[in-house]
Amino acid sequence: MPEIPSEFDRLLLKEEIEEFLFTEAELLDERHFNEWLELLTEDVHYFMPLKRNVAFGEQSASENSRADGDICWFDDDKETLVKRVKQILTGKHWAEEPLSRVCHMVSNVQIVKAALPEVTVKCRFLIYRNRLEDEENLFIGKRQDVLRKVGTRWKIARREILLDQNVLLPKNLTIFF
């Protein structure tokens, strides 16, 4: 797996990755969920741990729940994500009738590791959701993605979502991060 050879190539790669993440956000905001699913690899791992309050000095060891062993907000594969999308698109999903209005904002994109065909990327996000007349929610946090080049397209192979909240006040969690 070759590393990115020059700073110029690294900047071009960063621009390409940012465009991919912005396009993904637009697909989610516009409710193009089936097109969003096409951005995921078949072996995708989509993970959002619970955040716990822990004593000083124990943050790295136990602040976040672990995949495949602890309770998490999400610990999904492609099959589960497809089922979630199908459920929302039935029009009979109690938590999404009527559909939420959502705005994803992505910033602070950083390439952590570039060993093509995979790139590890960190970013920050803010997601605004409005439901019904007066329900508003903000989700703020960080993501670490492993993006994989499949043919000519980038796809999400792994997504870890780290919310800055440890208590979620929304009545449901039907959005995608």
Protein backbone atom coordinates (compact mmCIF):
# COMPACT_ATOMS: atom_id res chain seq x y z
CA MET A 1 0.00 0.00 0.00
CA PRO A 2 1.82 3.12 -1.17
CA GLU A 3 2.03 6.25 0.94
CA ILE A 4 1.16 9.61 -0.63
CA PRO A 5 4.46 10.78 -2.18
CA SER A 6 4.27 14.57 -2.06
CA GLU A 7 2.63 17.40 -0.16
CA PHE A 8 0.86 18.47 -3.35
CA ASP A 9 -0.61 14.99 -3.81
CA ARG A 10 -1.65 15.02 -0.15
CA LEU A 11 -3.48 18.34 -0.66
CA LEU A 12 -5.24 16.96 -3.74
CA LEU A 13 -6.24 13.88 -1.76
CA LYS A 14 -7.55 16.02 1.10
CA GLU A 15 -9.66 18.04 -1.35
CA GLU A 16 -11.04 14.82 -2.84
CA ILE A 17 -11.87 13.43 0.62
CA GLU A 18 -13.54 16.68 1.71
CA GLU A 19 -15.70 16.68 -1.42
CA PHE A 20 -16.67 13.07 -0.70
CA LEU A 21 -17.69 13.93 2.89
CA PHE A 22 -19.62 17.03 1.79
CA THR A 23 -21.44 15.01 -0.89
CA GLU A 24 -22.31 12.38 1.71
CA ALA A 25 -23.74 15.07 4.02
CA GLU A 26 -25.86 16.42 1.16
CA LEU A 27 -27.22 12.95 0.36
CA LEU A 28 -28.27 12.50 3.99
CA ASP A 29 -29.81 15.98 4.24
CA GLU A 30 -31.79 15.41 1.04
CA ARG A 31 -32.94 11.96 2.25
CA HIS A 32 -31.23 10.08 -0.57
CA PHE A 33 -30.63 7.17 1.77
CA ASN A 34 -30.29 4.47 -0.91
CA GLU A 35 -27.61 6.53 -2.66
CA TRP A 36 -25.92 6.97 0.73
CA LEU A 37 -25.89 3.19 1.20
CA GLU A 38 -23.94 2.94 -2.07
CA LEU A 39 -21.15 4.91 -0.38
CA LEU A 40 -20.62 2.06 2.11
CA THR A 41 -18.41 -0.97 1.53
CA GLU A 42 -19.99 -4.39 1.93
CA ASP A 43 -17.86 -4.96 5.06
CA VAL A 44 -18.58 -1.55 6.63
CA HIS A 45 -18.51 -1.18 10.42
CA TYR A 46 -20.63 1.77 11.61
CA PHE A 47 -20.03 2.33 15.30
CA MET A 48 -21.09 4.91 17.90
CA PRO A 49 -20.07 4.07 21.47
CA LEU A 50 -21.75 5.33 24.59
CA LYS A 51 -19.76 7.98 26.39
CA ARG A 52 -19.42 7.48 30.14
CA ASN A 53 -18.42 9.85 32.91
CA VAL A 54 -15.19 8.48 34.34
CA ALA A 55 -12.62 9.62 36.87
CA PHE A 56 -9.72 11.79 35.76
CA GLY A 57 -6.99 9.68 34.21
CA GLU A 58 -9.35 6.90 33.11
CA GLN A 59 -10.66 8.60 29.95
CA SER A 60 -8.67 6.61 27.42
CA ALA A 61 -9.36 3.26 29.08
CA SER A 62 -13.07 3.45 29.77
CA GLU A 63 -14.75 6.68 28.65
CA ASN A 64 -16.19 5.08 25.51
CA SER A 65 -17.92 1.72 25.27
CA ARG A 66 -16.26 -0.85 23.00
CA ALA A 67 -17.50 -2.39 19.78
CA ASP A 68 -18.68 -6.01 19.84
CA GLY A 69 -18.70 -6.20 23.63
CA ASP A 70 -20.40 -3.25 25.27
CA ILE A 71 -23.72 -1.51 24.76
CA CYS A 72 -23.39 1.13 22.03
CA TRP A 73 -25.69 3.61 20.33
CA PHE A 74 -24.79 1.90 17.03
CA ASP A 75 -22.69 -1.14 16.22
CA ASP A 76 -23.95 -1.83 12.71
CA ASP A 77 -22.89 -3.59 9.57
CA LYS A 78 -24.16 -3.03 6.03
CA GLU A 79 -27.12 -5.39 6.47
CA THR A 80 -28.34 -3.53 9.56
CA LEU A 81 -27.95 -0.13 7.88
CA VAL A 82 -29.90 -1.36 4.83
CA LYS A 83 -32.71 -2.52 7.14
CA ARG A 84 -32.76 0.84 8.93
CA VAL A 85 -33.05 2.68 5.61
CA LYS A 86 -35.81 0.36 4.37
CA GLN A 87 -37.74 0.90 7.59
CA ILE A 88 -37.53 4.70 7.29
CA LEU A 89 -38.51 4.61 3.62
CA THR A 90 -41.71 2.64 4.29
CA GLY A 91 -43.36 5.89 5.37
CA LYS A 92 -44.69 4.05 8.41
CA HIS A 93 -41.74 4.51 10.73
CA TRP A 94 -43.29 6.00 13.89
CA ALA A 95 -40.19 8.04 14.75
CA GLU A 96 -39.88 9.50 11.25
CA GLU A 97 -43.48 10.36 10.42
CA PRO A 98 -43.30 13.07 9.33
CA LEU A 99 -39.66 12.96 8.27
CA SER A 100 -37.12 14.97 10.23
CA ARG A 101 -35.47 18.00 8.68
CA VAL A 102 -31.74 17.51 9.05
CA CYS A 103 -28.62 19.53 8.32
CA HIS A 104 -25.16 17.91 8.51
CA MET A 105 -22.12 20.16 8.83
CA VAL A 106 -18.67 18.62 8.46
CA SER A 107 -15.45 20.46 9.27
CA ASN A 108 -11.85 20.11 10.44
CA VAL A 109 -11.12 17.31 7.98
CA GLN A 110 -7.70 15.77 8.63
CA ILE A 111 -5.98 12.90 6.90
CA VAL A 112 -4.49 10.78 9.65
CA LYS A 113 -3.06 8.00 7.50
CA ALA A 114 -2.92 7.55 3.76
CA ALA A 115 -1.94 4.04 2.74
CA LEU A 116 -3.83 3.62 -0.51
CA PRO A 117 -6.34 2.18 -1.24
CA GLU A 118 -7.39 3.17 2.30
CA VAL A 119 -7.28 6.55 3.98
CA THR A 120 -8.00 7.23 7.66
CA VAL A 121 -9.74 10.56 8.13
CA LYS A 122 -10.81 12.52 11.21
CA CYS A 123 -13.40 15.28 11.14
CA ARG A 124 -15.81 17.18 13.34
CA PHE A 125 -19.55 17.32 12.80
CA LEU A 126 -22.59 19.23 13.88
CA ILE A 127 -25.99 17.82 12.98
CA TYR A 128 -29.14 19.86 13.44
CA ARG A 129 -32.48 18.04 13.43
CA ASN A 130 -35.97 19.53 13.59
CA ARG A 131 -39.04 17.36 14.05
CA LEU A 132 -42.69 18.28 14.04
CA GLU A 133 -43.23 21.89 15.12
CA ASP A 134 -40.96 22.30 18.11
CA GLU A 135 -38.52 19.42 18.54
CA GLU A 136 -34.94 20.49 17.92
CA ASN A 137 -31.80 18.44 18.49
CA LEU A 138 -28.11 19.08 18.10
CA PHE A 139 -25.56 16.30 17.78
CA ILE A 140 -21.96 17.44 18.06
CA GLY A 141 -18.85 15.32 17.92
CA LYS A 142 -15.98 13.78 16.07
CA ARG A 143 -15.73 10.99 13.54
CA GLN A 144 -12.92 8.77 12.44
CA ASP A 145 -13.50 7.13 9.09
CA VAL A 146 -11.57 4.60 7.09
CA LEU A 147 -12.31 5.35 3.45
CA ARG A 148 -11.45 2.81 0.78
CA LYS A 149 -11.00 3.46 -2.93
CA VAL A 150 -13.14 0.91 -4.78
CA GLY A 151 -12.59 1.31 -8.49
CA THR A 152 -12.78 5.07 -8.99
CA ARG A 153 -15.03 5.81 -5.99
CA TRP A 154 -14.37 6.35 -2.31
CA LYS A 155 -16.45 4.26 0.08
CA ILE A 156 -16.79 4.20 3.85
CA ALA A 157 -15.26 1.01 5.26
CA ARG A 158 -15.38 2.02 8.92
CA ARG A 159 -16.97 4.89 10.81
CA GLU A 160 -16.52 5.59 14.51
CA ILE A 161 -18.79 8.36 15.78
CA LEU A 162 -17.81 10.01 19.06
CA LEU A 163 -20.52 12.28 20.41
CA ASP A 164 -19.50 15.03 22.78
CA GLN A 165 -22.72 14.38 24.72
CA ASN A 166 -22.95 11.47 27.13
CA VAL A 167 -26.71 11.88 27.62
CA LEU A 168 -28.95 12.17 24.56
CA LEU A 169 -32.22 14.03 25.02
CA PRO A 170 -33.90 13.31 21.65
CA LYS A 171 -36.91 10.97 21.71
CA ASN A 172 -35.31 8.78 19.04
CA LEU A 173 -32.09 8.28 17.16
CA THR A 174 -33.10 7.69 13.55
CA ILE A 175 -30.59 9.92 11.78
CA PHE A 176 -27.35 8.81 10.19
CA PHE A 177 -24.06 10.37 11.16
